Amino acid sequence: MKIKFNFLTNSIIIVVLLIILTSFVYYYTHKTHHSKKDKKVSIDLGSTTNTNQYIIDFPFKFTFPNIHDSSISIRAVGDILLHKRLQTFALSHKDQYNYFFKSILKELQEADITFGNMESPISKSHPISGWPRFNIHTNLIPALKTSGFDIVSTANNHALDKGKKGVIETIKALSNANIIPVGTYFRGESPLKIISKKGINIGFLAFSEYTNGLPVPKTEVSISLLDMRNKKHVKNAIKLIRASKKKVDFLIISYHFGNEYILNPEPWKEKIVYQILNAGGDALLGHHPHVLQHAEKYKTMDGRETFIIYSLGNFISGMSVLPKYGNILSNYAHRGDGLILDINLVKSKDRTYIRKVGFIPTWTLMSLGHEINPKNSNKIKMDELGKYTETLSFKVINLSKEIYALNDNEKFNELKKFFTKRKEVIINQMIKKLPDEKTNEVK
C-alpha cells in the first residue's frame, strides 16, 4: 500500500512539473518571437526609452575610424507647410501649434541638431494665409522651439510670399527664439550658418531653385538661389560651397528643387547634386516635391563618402488624406508620407565621417476633429470616417509607434492596416529602390 502511495505521489509530481515546464517553454518562445517581430516598435507610448529602436538604417556602408574623438546625431525633416486649414485648427486648439508635433517630440528632441524646411514666411504684419501665398502665425515658433528645432531652411519657392518685409520679420522672429534661419539672410551677413556640438563644427547652406517668379529684394535681405540653368547661380554656389567647406568639419547643403509630386528624381538632378558634393558638400538634403524620393551614397573626387536624399517629402502639410481603406494606395497618400532622417557623424583627428544614416517613417495624420486613439476608440469607426463633417485636425505621427499602440485593439484593425501599408510604402521608396552607389560622376 505504501509503495502504491509513493508511486501516485511521484506521478502527480512529475505531471505537475511537466505542466510547469511546458508553460515556461511556451511563454519563453512566445515572448522571444514577439520581441523579434516588433524589435523596432515594441515600446509603450509613455516610455522614456530613446527612439533609436524606430530607426531603419539605410544599407549604405560608410568607412569611419573605430577610434574617434566625438560623435553627434543630426535629425532632419522635410517641408513644414501649414495650409490655412491647419492654422485655423491650431489657433483654436488649446495646444495651439504644439498639437502638430506632440506625438513625435522625443524623436525630434533627442538629436544634437534638428533641422527642417520652413516653407513659409512667419510675418507678424500679415494675416495667416495658405496657398498660393503662405504666411504662418508667429505662434508656430514656440512650438518649433519646444519640439527641438535648432535650424530651419528659409530658402524655398514661398520665401518671398510676403515680400521683403515678410523675409525680414521671419529672420528676426526665428533668430529671437534661437532658431537659426538659413537660406535667407541680411545683406552683409554670411549665408553660411555654423552649429558647434561636441567639438564638431557643422555648416549649413540652403538654396532654392526659384521663388515663384517673385523678385529678390535689392536691399536689406537676400536669398540663396541655385537654378542650374543659370550659369551665374551655379558659379556663385560652387564658390560659396568651396569657401564654406574650409570653415567647418562637415557641410550640409539644403536644396529646394525639382518637380512636384514625382516619386523618382529627374536625371538632371544628379548633375547639379554631384557638382555640389564635389565642391565640398558632405550631405545634401533635398525638398520641394512634397513626396519622398530615394537616397544615395556618393563618393566624391577627393575620396569623401557623402550622402544624398533627393526629397525628404512633407513633414506636416494639408496635403494628406484620411486614413481609410480607399485611400491606402492613393497617389495623394504619398503626400502624407514623411520621415525623420537620422545622420550619425564621428570626428577623428583628420576629419569628420558619416558613421551611418537611417530614418523613422512618419505620416501626417488627418483626423476629423478628435483623436484617433485606442483609449477613446468609441469615438470613431473606420467605416464611418467619410461620413463625418467635423473640422479636420492634423498631426505628425511615428508610424511604427502608432502601429504598436494599435496592436491589441480590434476596433482599429483597418487603421492599423493603413498605417502598416504606408510604412511599407515608405520603406520601399527609401530602401528597395536604391540605385547603385555612385562614384566620382560629374556629367
Protein backbone atom coordinates (compact mmCIF):
# COMPACT_ATOMS: atom_id res chain seq x y z
CA MET A 1 0.00 0.00 0.00
CA LYS A 2 2.84 2.33 0.89
CA ILE A 3 4.56 1.65 -2.42
CA LYS A 4 1.39 2.42 -4.35
CA PHE A 5 1.03 5.73 -2.49
CA ASN A 6 4.62 6.73 -3.37
CA PHE A 7 4.05 5.82 -7.00
CA LEU A 8 0.93 8.00 -7.20
CA THR A 9 2.64 10.83 -5.43
CA ASN A 10 5.62 10.69 -7.72
CA SER A 11 3.37 10.52 -10.77
CA ILE A 12 1.46 13.62 -9.69
CA ILE A 13 4.68 15.50 -9.05
CA ILE A 14 6.04 14.54 -12.47
CA VAL A 15 2.81 15.65 -14.19
CA VAL A 16 2.82 18.99 -12.36
CA LEU A 17 6.48 19.57 -13.28
CA LEU A 18 5.75 18.77 -16.92
CA ILE A 19 2.87 21.27 -16.97
CA ILE A 20 5.08 23.96 -15.44
CA LEU A 21 7.91 23.20 -17.87
CA THR A 22 5.55 23.23 -20.88
CA SER A 23 4.07 26.57 -19.77
CA PHE A 24 7.52 28.05 -19.31
CA VAL A 25 8.67 26.92 -22.78
CA TYR A 26 5.51 28.31 -24.40
CA TYR A 27 5.84 31.64 -22.59
CA TYR A 28 9.53 31.99 -23.41
CA THR A 29 9.04 31.06 -27.08
CA HIS A 30 6.09 33.41 -27.45
CA LYS A 31 7.92 36.27 -25.76
CA THR A 32 11.04 35.80 -27.86
CA HIS A 33 9.05 35.66 -31.09
CA HIS A 34 7.16 38.81 -30.16
CA SER A 35 10.28 40.77 -29.31
CA LYS A 36 11.96 39.81 -32.59
CA LYS A 37 8.93 40.66 -34.64
CA ASP A 38 8.48 44.06 -33.01
CA LYS A 39 12.11 44.89 -32.49
CA LYS A 40 11.77 48.45 -33.74
CA VAL A 41 8.33 49.22 -32.36
CA SER A 42 7.96 47.39 -29.05
CA ILE A 43 7.73 50.40 -26.76
CA ASP A 44 4.99 51.70 -24.54
CA LEU A 45 3.79 55.13 -25.63
CA GLY A 46 4.63 56.53 -22.24
CA SER A 47 8.11 55.00 -22.09
CA THR A 48 11.20 57.15 -21.63
CA THR A 49 13.29 54.80 -23.77
CA ASN A 50 15.04 56.61 -26.63
CA THR A 51 13.65 56.39 -30.13
CA ASN A 52 16.67 54.73 -31.77
CA GLN A 53 14.71 51.48 -31.88
CA TYR A 54 12.41 53.01 -34.50
CA ILE A 55 15.26 53.91 -36.86
CA ILE A 56 15.53 51.89 -40.06
CA ASP A 57 19.12 52.00 -41.31
CA PHE A 58 19.98 52.58 -44.93
CA PRO A 59 22.11 49.70 -46.24
CA PHE A 60 24.97 52.04 -47.17
CA LYS A 61 28.35 51.06 -45.71
CA PHE A 62 30.38 54.08 -44.69
CA THR A 63 34.07 53.96 -43.82
CA PHE A 64 34.95 55.59 -40.50
CA PRO A 65 37.61 55.17 -37.80
CA ASN A 66 36.72 52.92 -34.88
CA ILE A 67 38.63 55.22 -32.56
CA HIS A 68 37.28 58.76 -32.72
CA ASP A 69 37.19 61.89 -30.58
CA SER A 70 33.45 62.60 -30.61
CA SER A 71 30.15 61.75 -32.28
CA ILE A 72 26.86 63.54 -32.86
CA SER A 73 23.43 62.86 -34.34
CA ILE A 74 21.55 65.12 -36.71
CA ARG A 75 17.86 64.67 -37.46
CA ALA A 76 16.24 66.35 -40.43
CA VAL A 77 12.69 66.63 -41.74
CA GLY A 78 11.11 67.93 -44.92
CA ASP A 79 8.50 70.56 -45.64
CA ILE A 80 6.75 72.33 -42.77
CA LEU A 81 3.93 73.63 -44.94
CA LEU A 82 0.94 74.84 -42.96
CA HIS A 83 -2.08 75.32 -45.17
CA LYS A 84 -4.70 77.68 -43.82
CA ARG A 85 -7.00 74.96 -42.50
CA LEU A 86 -4.18 73.59 -40.34
CA GLN A 87 -3.54 77.01 -38.90
CA THR A 88 -7.23 77.66 -38.28
CA PHE A 89 -7.33 74.41 -36.34
CA ALA A 90 -4.13 75.19 -34.39
CA LEU A 91 -5.22 78.67 -33.37
CA SER A 92 -8.48 77.31 -31.98
CA HIS A 93 -6.87 74.38 -30.13
CA LYS A 94 -5.68 74.58 -26.51
CA ASP A 95 -2.26 73.26 -27.55
CA GLN A 96 -2.00 75.67 -30.48
CA TYR A 97 0.74 74.65 -32.95
CA ASN A 98 2.28 72.27 -30.41
CA TYR A 99 -0.52 69.86 -31.29
CA PHE A 100 1.08 69.08 -34.66
CA PHE A 101 4.29 67.73 -33.10
CA LYS A 102 3.19 66.33 -29.74
CA SER A 103 3.30 62.69 -30.90
CA ILE A 104 6.89 62.88 -32.17
CA LEU A 105 8.51 65.24 -29.66
CA LYS A 106 11.09 62.76 -28.40
CA GLU A 107 12.04 61.75 -31.93
CA LEU A 108 12.92 65.40 -32.68
CA GLN A 109 14.35 66.41 -29.31
CA GLU A 110 16.85 63.56 -28.94
CA ALA A 111 19.20 64.71 -31.67
CA ASP A 112 22.16 67.00 -31.09
CA ILE A 113 20.91 69.10 -34.03
CA THR A 114 17.41 69.11 -35.56
CA PHE A 115 16.73 70.65 -38.99
CA GLY A 116 13.61 71.26 -41.08
CA ASN A 117 12.43 73.15 -44.16
CA MET A 118 10.27 76.11 -43.10
CA GLU A 119 8.27 76.57 -46.27
CA SER A 120 6.51 79.82 -45.47
CA PRO A 121 7.15 83.30 -44.15
CA ILE A 122 6.33 83.88 -40.48
CA SER A 123 5.30 87.51 -40.67
CA LYS A 124 3.55 89.30 -37.82
CA SER A 125 2.44 92.08 -40.17
CA HIS A 126 0.31 89.79 -42.31
CA PRO A 127 -2.68 87.56 -41.52
CA ILE A 128 -2.36 83.81 -41.77
CA SER A 129 -2.76 82.50 -45.30
CA GLY A 130 -2.37 79.34 -47.34
CA TRP A 131 -1.69 78.56 -50.95
CA PRO A 132 -0.66 80.30 -53.17
CA ARG A 133 0.92 82.93 -50.87
CA PHE A 134 1.59 81.40 -47.48
CA ASN A 135 2.03 83.09 -44.12
CA ILE A 136 2.22 81.43 -40.72
CA HIS A 137 1.31 82.90 -37.35
CA THR A 138 4.23 83.63 -35.02
CA ASN A 139 2.69 81.19 -32.51
CA LEU A 140 4.35 78.44 -34.54
CA ILE A 141 7.81 79.48 -33.37
CA PRO A 142 7.49 78.42 -29.71
CA ALA A 143 6.17 75.07 -30.94
CA LEU A 144 9.22 74.63 -33.18
CA LYS A 145 11.49 75.50 -30.28
CA THR A 146 9.73 73.13 -27.88
CA SER A 147 9.96 70.39 -30.49
CA GLY A 148 13.71 70.71 -30.63
CA PHE A 149 14.33 72.52 -33.91
CA ASP A 150 17.72 74.26 -33.94
CA ILE A 151 17.88 75.40 -37.56
CA VAL A 152 15.43 75.70 -40.46
CA SER A 153 15.86 76.42 -44.14
CA THR A 154 14.03 79.55 -45.26
CA ALA A 155 15.19 79.25 -48.87
CA ASN A 156 12.27 77.90 -50.92
CA ASN A 157 9.74 78.94 -53.52
CA HIS A 158 7.46 80.50 -50.88
CA ALA A 159 10.19 82.52 -49.14
CA LEU A 160 9.09 85.80 -50.73
CA ASP A 161 5.32 85.24 -50.47
CA LYS A 162 5.03 88.29 -48.20
CA GLY A 163 7.74 90.34 -49.83
CA LYS A 164 10.82 91.87 -48.27
CA LYS A 165 9.02 92.68 -45.02
CA GLY A 166 7.99 89.06 -44.67
CA VAL A 167 11.59 87.90 -45.13
CA ILE A 168 12.89 90.39 -42.55
CA GLU A 169 10.23 89.50 -39.97
CA THR A 170 10.79 85.76 -40.49
CA ILE A 171 14.53 86.05 -39.93
CA LYS A 172 14.04 88.17 -36.82
CA ALA A 173 11.27 86.02 -35.32
CA LEU A 174 13.25 82.80 -35.70
CA SER A 175 16.51 84.35 -34.52
CA ASN A 176 14.85 85.84 -31.43
CA ALA A 177 13.79 82.31 -30.46
CA ASN A 178 17.34 80.99 -31.01
CA ILE A 179 16.27 79.04 -34.10
CA ILE A 180 18.74 79.68 -36.91
CA PRO A 181 17.30 80.64 -40.31
CA VAL A 182 19.49 79.56 -43.22
CA GLY A 183 19.00 80.48 -46.88
CA THR A 184 17.60 83.98 -46.36
CA TYR A 185 19.82 86.49 -44.62
CA PHE A 186 20.59 90.17 -44.13
CA ARG A 187 22.90 91.55 -46.78
CA GLY A 188 26.42 91.82 -45.47
CA GLU A 189 25.99 88.68 -43.36
CA SER A 190 27.31 85.27 -44.33
CA PRO A 191 24.80 82.78 -45.79
CA LEU A 192 26.81 80.05 -44.03
CA LYS A 193 25.44 79.10 -40.61
CA ILE A 194 27.57 77.06 -38.21
CA ILE A 195 26.46 75.00 -35.22
CA SER A 196 29.15 73.58 -32.93
CA LYS A 197 28.33 70.46 -30.96
CA LYS A 198 30.73 68.23 -29.01
CA GLY A 199 33.71 69.72 -30.76
CA ILE A 200 32.30 69.25 -34.27
CA ASN A 201 31.55 72.30 -36.41
CA ILE A 202 28.55 71.63 -38.67
CA GLY A 203 27.99 74.09 -41.50
CA PHE A 204 24.66 74.68 -43.22
CA LEU A 205 23.91 76.32 -46.56
CA ALA A 206 20.43 76.47 -48.09
CA PHE A 207 19.45 77.14 -51.69
CA SER A 208 16.20 77.43 -53.61
CA GLU A 209 15.79 76.79 -57.31
CA TYR A 210 13.33 79.67 -57.69
CA THR A 211 10.89 81.98 -55.84
CA ASN A 212 7.69 81.53 -57.88
CA GLY A 213 8.62 84.49 -60.06
CA LEU A 214 8.75 86.94 -57.16
CA PRO A 215 11.71 89.33 -57.36
CA VAL A 216 14.55 89.06 -54.87
CA PRO A 217 14.79 92.24 -52.76
CA LYS A 218 17.63 94.52 -53.86
CA THR A 219 18.24 95.92 -50.40
CA GLU A 220 18.48 94.68 -46.79
CA VAL A 221 17.90 90.96 -47.35
CA SER A 222 18.67 88.27 -49.90
CA ILE A 223 18.06 84.58 -50.64
CA SER A 224 20.49 81.97 -51.94
CA LEU A 225 19.28 80.90 -55.38
CA LEU A 226 20.57 77.97 -57.41
CA ASP A 227 18.89 77.39 -60.76
CA MET A 228 21.19 75.01 -62.60
CA ARG A 229 20.13 76.59 -65.92
CA ASN A 230 21.62 79.88 -64.69
CA LYS A 231 25.41 79.72 -65.07
CA LYS A 232 25.91 82.63 -62.68
CA HIS A 233 23.88 80.85 -59.99
CA VAL A 234 25.95 77.69 -60.38
CA LYS A 235 29.26 79.55 -60.36
CA ASN A 236 28.35 81.54 -57.24
CA ALA A 237 27.02 78.48 -55.42
CA ILE A 238 30.12 76.38 -56.14
CA LYS A 239 32.34 79.25 -54.99
CA LEU A 240 30.35 79.64 -51.77
CA ILE A 241 30.39 75.90 -51.04
CA ARG A 242 34.15 75.64 -51.56
CA ALA A 243 34.80 78.59 -49.26
CA SER A 244 32.36 77.30 -46.65
CA LYS A 245 33.87 73.82 -46.52
CA LYS A 246 37.18 75.31 -45.35
CA LYS A 247 35.45 76.76 -42.27
CA VAL A 248 33.66 73.65 -40.98
CA ASP A 249 34.16 69.97 -40.25
CA PHE A 250 31.03 68.81 -42.06
CA LEU A 251 28.93 70.78 -44.58
CA ILE A 252 25.21 70.14 -45.09
CA ILE A 253 23.50 71.57 -48.15
CA SER A 254 19.74 72.10 -48.10
CA TYR A 255 18.31 72.39 -51.61
CA HIS A 256 14.71 73.18 -52.57
CA PHE A 257 14.45 71.96 -56.15
CA GLY A 258 12.86 69.67 -58.74
CA ASN A 259 9.32 68.98 -59.85
CA GLU A 260 6.42 68.34 -57.51
CA TYR A 261 4.67 65.02 -56.81
CA ILE A 262 7.03 62.70 -58.69
CA LEU A 263 8.47 59.72 -56.79
CA ASN A 264 11.76 59.46 -58.67
CA PRO A 265 14.18 62.37 -59.09
CA GLU A 266 14.67 63.71 -62.56
CA PRO A 267 18.00 62.68 -64.17
CA TRP A 268 19.13 66.32 -64.36
CA LYS A 269 19.13 66.50 -60.57
CA GLU A 270 22.16 64.23 -60.40
CA LYS A 271 24.32 66.66 -62.37
CA ILE A 272 23.89 69.59 -60.01
CA VAL A 273 23.92 67.43 -56.86
CA TYR A 274 27.24 65.81 -57.76
CA GLN A 275 28.72 69.23 -58.52
CA ILE A 276 27.60 70.45 -55.10
CA LEU A 277 29.17 67.49 -53.31
CA ASN A 278 32.40 67.60 -55.26
CA ALA A 279 32.69 71.30 -54.39
CA GLY A 280 32.68 70.43 -50.68
CA GLY A 281 29.22 69.38 -49.58
CA ASP A 282 29.12 66.34 -47.29
CA ALA A 283 25.37 65.75 -47.29
CA LEU A 284 22.56 67.06 -49.45
CA LEU A 285 19.01 67.33 -48.13
CA GLY A 286 16.51 67.86 -50.94
CA HIS A 287 12.92 69.03 -50.70
CA HIS A 288 10.08 70.57 -52.72
CA PRO A 289 8.47 67.55 -54.49
CA HIS A 290 6.12 67.05 -51.46
CA VAL A 291 6.74 63.30 -51.74
CA LEU A 292 9.68 61.15 -50.74
CA GLN A 293 12.48 60.45 -53.20
CA HIS A 294 15.30 57.98 -52.72
CA ALA A 295 18.72 58.35 -51.13
CA GLU A 296 22.25 57.66 -52.39
CA LYS A 297 25.76 57.27 -51.10
CA TYR A 298 28.18 59.18 -53.31
CA LYS A 299 31.97 59.12 -53.25
CA THR A 300 33.49 62.44 -54.32
CA MET A 301 36.59 63.07 -56.39
CA ASP A 302 38.59 63.79 -53.24
CA GLY A 303 37.50 60.49 -51.69
CA ARG A 304 34.82 61.69 -49.25
CA GLU A 305 31.81 59.42 -48.70
CA THR A 306 28.76 61.68 -48.86
CA PHE A 307 25.01 61.25 -48.55
CA ILE A 308 22.13 62.45 -50.72
CA ILE A 309 18.40 62.35 -50.19
CA TYR A 310 16.64 63.87 -53.18
CA SER A 311 13.45 64.68 -51.29
CA LEU A 312 12.56 64.49 -47.61
CA GLY A 313 8.87 64.77 -48.50
CA ASN A 314 6.32 66.64 -46.45
CA PHE A 315 6.76 66.66 -42.70
CA ILE A 316 3.50 68.45 -41.88
CA SER A 317 1.09 69.76 -44.50
CA GLY A 318 -2.54 69.90 -45.54
CA MET A 319 -1.88 67.55 -48.46
CA SER A 320 -2.50 64.29 -46.64
CA VAL A 321 -5.58 62.06 -46.93
CA LEU A 322 -7.96 60.48 -44.45
CA PRO A 323 -6.62 57.13 -43.18
CA LYS A 324 -9.33 54.95 -44.65
CA TYR A 325 -9.00 51.85 -46.77
CA GLY A 326 -9.99 53.54 -50.04
CA ASN A 327 -7.01 55.89 -49.71
CA ILE A 328 -4.43 53.29 -48.77
CA LEU A 329 -2.70 53.30 -52.18
CA SER A 330 -3.92 56.67 -53.46
CA ASN A 331 -1.34 58.83 -55.20
CA TYR A 332 -2.37 61.56 -52.77
CA ALA A 333 -1.36 59.34 -49.85
CA HIS A 334 2.29 59.82 -50.86
CA ARG A 335 1.89 63.46 -49.84
CA GLY A 336 1.24 62.36 -46.27
CA ASP A 337 4.38 60.18 -46.20
CA GLY A 338 7.40 61.62 -44.46
CA LEU A 339 10.41 60.67 -42.42
CA ILE A 340 12.78 61.87 -39.76
CA LEU A 341 16.26 61.42 -41.20
CA ASP A 342 18.94 60.36 -38.72
CA ILE A 343 22.58 61.07 -39.60
CA ASN A 344 25.33 59.87 -37.26
CA LEU A 345 28.76 61.50 -37.52
CA VAL A 346 32.11 60.78 -35.89
CA LYS A 347 35.13 63.05 -35.74
CA SER A 348 38.73 61.90 -35.64
CA LYS A 349 41.91 63.93 -35.83
CA ASP A 350 41.93 64.19 -39.62
CA ARG A 351 38.24 64.85 -40.42
CA THR A 352 34.58 64.11 -39.75
CA TYR A 353 32.96 60.99 -41.19
CA ILE A 354 29.44 59.68 -41.70
CA ARG A 355 29.05 56.64 -39.47
CA LYS A 356 25.55 55.64 -40.61
CA VAL A 357 22.25 57.07 -41.84
CA GLY A 358 18.73 55.90 -41.09
CA PHE A 359 15.17 57.14 -40.92
CA ILE A 360 11.94 56.96 -38.93
CA PRO A 361 8.82 56.69 -41.16
CA THR A 362 6.21 59.36 -40.36
CA TRP A 363 2.77 60.28 -41.55
CA THR A 364 0.69 63.46 -41.45
CA LEU A 365 -2.41 62.11 -39.74
CA MET A 366 -5.57 63.81 -40.90
CA SER A 367 -8.41 63.11 -38.49
CA LEU A 368 -11.86 64.53 -38.02
CA GLY A 369 -11.97 66.87 -35.10
CA HIS A 370 -10.80 64.43 -32.42
CA GLU A 371 -8.08 61.99 -31.52
CA ILE A 372 -7.86 58.59 -33.15
CA ASN A 373 -6.61 56.77 -30.09
CA PRO A 374 -7.22 53.34 -28.56
CA LYS A 375 -8.15 54.96 -25.25
CA ASN A 376 -11.20 56.64 -26.73
CA SER A 377 -11.94 54.18 -29.51
CA ASN A 378 -15.68 54.57 -29.09
CA LYS A 379 -15.48 57.96 -30.77
CA ILE A 380 -14.76 56.83 -34.29
CA LYS A 381 -15.07 53.81 -36.56
CA MET A 382 -13.06 53.41 -39.72
CA ASP A 383 -16.07 52.65 -41.90
CA GLU A 384 -17.67 55.90 -40.77
CA LEU A 385 -14.71 58.18 -41.41
CA GLY A 386 -16.07 59.52 -44.64
CA LYS A 387 -19.41 60.48 -43.08
CA TYR A 388 -18.07 62.95 -40.52
CA THR A 389 -18.20 66.69 -41.13
CA GLU A 390 -16.25 67.99 -38.11
CA THR A 391 -13.25 70.26 -38.53
CA LEU A 392 -10.21 68.41 -39.81
CA SER A 393 -7.22 68.13 -37.48
CA PHE A 394 -3.65 67.19 -38.30
CA LYS A 395 -0.53 65.94 -36.52
CA VAL A 396 2.68 64.14 -37.37
CA ILE A 397 2.92 60.55 -36.14
CA ASN A 398 5.69 57.97 -35.90
CA LEU A 399 4.12 55.11 -37.87
CA SER A 400 5.93 52.32 -36.01
CA LYS A 401 4.86 53.67 -32.65
CA GLU A 402 1.24 54.08 -33.69
CA ILE A 403 1.10 50.58 -35.19
CA TYR A 404 2.37 49.12 -31.94
CA ALA A 405 -0.19 51.12 -29.95
CA LEU A 406 -2.98 49.64 -32.07
CA ASN A 407 -1.70 46.05 -31.88
CA ASP A 408 -4.29 44.68 -29.47
CA ASN A 409 -7.29 46.78 -30.40
CA GLU A 410 -9.59 45.01 -32.86
CA LYS A 411 -11.69 48.14 -33.34
CA PHE A 412 -8.72 49.68 -35.12
CA ASN A 413 -7.73 46.85 -37.47
CA GLU A 414 -8.39 48.96 -40.55
CA LEU A 415 -6.41 51.88 -39.19
CA LYS A 416 -3.53 49.57 -38.32
CA LYS A 417 -3.63 48.12 -41.85
CA PHE A 418 -3.49 51.64 -43.27
CA PHE A 419 -0.52 52.69 -41.14
CA THR A 420 1.27 49.39 -41.83
CA LYS A 421 0.84 49.85 -45.58
CA ARG A 422 2.10 53.44 -45.52
CA LYS A 423 5.16 52.34 -43.53
CA GLU A 424 5.79 49.60 -46.09
CA VAL A 425 5.46 52.11 -48.94
CA ILE A 426 7.96 54.46 -47.29
CA ILE A 427 10.48 51.68 -46.69
CA ASN A 428 10.13 50.51 -50.30
CA GLN A 429 10.62 54.05 -51.53
CA MET A 430 13.69 54.60 -49.37
CA ILE A 431 15.45 51.23 -49.43
CA LYS A 432 14.15 48.75 -52.01
CA LYS A 433 14.53 51.14 -54.94
CA LEU A 434 18.04 52.29 -54.10
CA PRO A 435 20.35 52.90 -57.05
CA ASP A 436 23.88 51.55 -57.13
CA GLU A 437 26.46 53.54 -55.21
CA LYS A 438 27.73 56.41 -57.33
CA THR A 439 31.37 57.42 -57.52
CA ASN A 440 33.11 60.48 -58.93
CA GLU A 441 30.45 61.23 -61.51
CA VAL A 442 30.03 64.74 -62.89
CA LYS A 443 28.01 64.76 -66.08
